[in-house]
Protein backbone atom coordinates (compact mmCIF):
# COMPACT_ATOMS: atom_id res chain seq x y z
CA MET A 1 -25.91 -63.00 -18.72
CA LEU A 2 -22.89 -61.17 -17.29
CA ALA A 3 -21.80 -60.18 -20.78
CA CYS A 4 -25.28 -58.75 -21.41
CA MET A 5 -25.21 -56.83 -18.11
CA ALA A 6 -21.73 -55.48 -18.88
CA ASN A 7 -22.97 -54.31 -22.30
CA LEU A 8 -25.97 -52.61 -20.67
CA VAL A 9 -23.78 -50.87 -18.08
CA GLN A 10 -21.39 -49.77 -20.85
CA ALA A 11 -24.33 -48.29 -22.78
CA LEU A 12 -25.46 -46.44 -19.64
CA VAL A 13 -22.03 -45.04 -18.80
CA GLY A 14 -21.03 -44.28 -22.39
CA ASP A 15 -17.40 -43.66 -23.19
CA GLY A 16 -16.71 -42.36 -19.67
CA ALA A 17 -15.58 -45.76 -18.40
CA ILE A 18 -14.44 -49.16 -19.56
CA VAL A 19 -16.84 -51.92 -18.56
CA GLY A 20 -15.87 -55.57 -18.55
CA TYR A 21 -16.95 -58.70 -16.78
CA ALA A 22 -15.37 -61.74 -15.20
CA HIS A 23 -16.33 -64.91 -13.39
CA MET A 24 -14.95 -66.00 -10.04
CA GLU A 25 -14.96 -69.65 -11.08
CA LEU A 26 -16.41 -72.18 -13.50
CA ALA A 27 -16.56 -69.88 -16.54
CA GLU A 28 -14.41 -67.52 -18.57
CA PRO A 29 -13.18 -64.90 -18.51
CA SER A 30 -11.61 -65.38 -15.10
CA ILE A 31 -11.01 -62.43 -12.79
CA PRO A 32 -7.32 -62.21 -13.81
CA ALA A 33 -8.29 -62.34 -17.51
CA GLY A 34 -11.08 -59.78 -17.12
CA PHE A 35 -8.76 -57.50 -15.14
CA ALA A 36 -6.03 -57.79 -17.78
CA GLU A 37 -8.51 -57.07 -20.58
CA CYS A 38 -9.68 -53.84 -18.89
CA VAL A 39 -6.05 -52.77 -18.45
CA ALA A 40 -5.33 -53.58 -22.11
CA ARG A 41 -8.29 -51.36 -23.04
CA GLY A 42 -6.75 -48.47 -21.09
CA ALA A 43 -8.12 -48.76 -17.55
CA THR A 44 -5.95 -47.20 -14.85
CA GLU A 45 -8.37 -48.09 -12.07
CA ILE A 46 -10.46 -51.22 -11.73
CA VAL A 47 -13.63 -51.20 -9.68
CA ALA A 48 -14.90 -54.75 -9.33
CA PHE A 49 -18.59 -55.13 -8.49
CA PRO A 50 -19.62 -58.56 -7.17
CA TYR A 51 -22.87 -59.21 -9.04
CA MET A 52 -24.51 -60.76 -5.99
CA LEU A 53 -27.54 -59.74 -3.98
CA SER A 54 -26.06 -59.90 -0.50
CA PRO A 55 -22.69 -59.94 1.20
CA GLY A 56 -21.26 -63.40 1.68
CA ARG A 57 -18.02 -65.37 1.58
CA HIS A 58 -17.50 -64.89 -2.14
CA SER A 59 -18.23 -61.13 -2.25
CA THR A 60 -16.38 -60.26 0.97
CA GLY A 61 -13.47 -62.71 0.82
CA ASP A 62 -12.89 -64.73 -2.33
CA ILE A 63 -13.46 -61.97 -4.89
CA PRO A 64 -11.39 -59.30 -3.10
CA HIS A 65 -8.57 -61.85 -2.80
CA LEU A 66 -8.73 -62.74 -6.52
CA VAL A 67 -8.88 -59.06 -7.53
CA ALA A 68 -5.85 -58.28 -5.33
CA GLU A 69 -3.93 -61.14 -6.98
CA ALA A 70 -4.89 -59.86 -10.43
CA ALA A 71 -3.91 -56.31 -9.49
CA ALA A 72 -0.45 -57.47 -8.38
CA ALA A 73 0.28 -58.35 -12.02
CA HIS A 74 -0.46 -54.74 -13.06
CA PRO A 75 1.62 -52.31 -11.00
CA GLY A 76 0.29 -48.77 -11.15
CA VAL A 77 -3.32 -49.85 -11.70
CA ARG A 78 -5.52 -49.13 -8.70
CA ALA A 79 -8.13 -51.71 -7.77
CA ARG A 80 -10.99 -51.99 -5.33
CA VAL A 81 -14.02 -54.20 -4.82
CA THR A 82 -17.45 -52.75 -4.03
CA ASP A 83 -20.06 -54.28 -1.77
CA ALA A 84 -22.73 -56.58 -3.21
CA PHE A 85 -26.10 -55.11 -4.18
CA GLY A 86 -27.50 -55.05 -0.67
CA VAL A 87 -30.76 -53.15 -0.13
CA HIS A 88 -31.49 -50.33 -2.58
CA GLU A 89 -34.73 -48.68 -3.69
CA LYS A 90 -33.93 -49.38 -7.35
CA LEU A 91 -33.96 -53.12 -6.57
CA GLY A 92 -37.31 -52.68 -4.82
CA GLU A 93 -38.63 -50.89 -7.91
CA LEU A 94 -37.37 -53.72 -10.11
CA ILE A 95 -39.07 -56.33 -7.91
CA LEU A 96 -42.38 -54.47 -8.26
CA LEU A 97 -41.90 -54.15 -12.02
CA ARG A 98 -41.14 -57.86 -12.46
CA ALA A 99 -44.08 -58.79 -10.20
CA GLY A 100 -46.45 -56.52 -12.14
CA VAL A 101 -47.33 -54.58 -8.99
CA PRO A 102 -47.69 -50.80 -9.38
CA GLN A 103 -45.36 -48.61 -7.36
CA ALA A 104 -47.39 -46.42 -4.99
CA ARG A 105 -44.70 -43.87 -4.19
CA THR A 106 -41.19 -42.79 -5.07
CA LEU A 107 -38.61 -42.19 -2.39
CA ASP A 108 -36.52 -39.05 -2.52
CA PRO A 109 -32.75 -39.63 -2.15
CA VAL A 110 -32.71 -38.59 1.51
CA ALA A 111 -35.54 -40.95 2.44
CA ALA A 112 -33.99 -43.83 0.49
CA ASN A 113 -30.57 -43.39 2.09
CA CYS A 114 -31.35 -45.17 5.33
CA CYS A 115 -31.18 -48.57 6.99
CA TRP A 116 -34.32 -50.55 6.14
CA ASP A 117 -33.96 -52.95 9.06
CA ALA A 118 -37.01 -52.54 11.33
CA GLY A 119 -34.70 -51.56 14.20
CA ARG A 120 -32.53 -49.34 11.95
CA SER A 121 -29.54 -51.35 13.14
CA GLU A 122 -27.29 -50.66 10.12
CA THR A 123 -25.89 -54.15 10.77
CA ALA A 124 -28.61 -56.41 9.32
CA CYS A 125 -27.21 -56.00 5.79
CA GLY A 126 -23.59 -55.68 6.85
CA ALA A 127 -21.40 -53.41 4.74
CA ALA A 128 -24.07 -53.37 2.02
CA CYS A 129 -26.44 -51.28 4.15
CA ARG A 130 -27.44 -48.24 2.08
CA ALA A 131 -26.99 -45.96 5.09
CA ARG A 132 -23.36 -47.09 5.37
CA THR A 133 -22.36 -47.20 1.69
CA GLU A 134 -23.87 -44.10 0.09
CA GLY A 135 -21.30 -42.02 -1.76
CA SER A 136 -19.11 -44.69 -3.35
CA GLY A 137 -18.72 -44.48 -7.11
CA VAL A 138 -16.97 -45.73 -10.22
CA THR A 139 -14.30 -43.50 -11.73
CA ARG A 140 -12.38 -45.28 -14.46
CA ALA A 141 -13.33 -48.91 -15.08
CA ALA A 142 -16.08 -51.13 -13.86
CA SER A 143 -16.20 -54.90 -13.78
CA VAL A 144 -19.51 -56.68 -13.53
CA GLY A 145 -19.42 -60.27 -12.39
CA ALA A 146 -18.49 -62.87 -9.86
């Protein structure tokens, strides 16, 4: 499935970025192998996206550690790890689509860019809170997986 998602993301981004995928464990390619393949394809920056719904030990600890180790083998290549999916209106739209429930309204970008916790705490989702993460983006290479 990660290969399919990487192919979809590549189709969406076009030739503007290199998209690859990797697995944290139990399957290939590993994070070091996926990182090396992106570099071999010309990436000068790796943006690793943990393909997970919410922040947890793997997305906040294990994956950043593995990406840092992989980056050490490629001096001059910048690397960073994004937050997990978190809460985003596009995921809400997808849930409605998959459930066969019609969407009653569309949120404009300003309305969507907020904390959806009832108390607007901006801590319920951790670093993945939309109100805290808006503005990050992919510039050179993207990696889908975990």
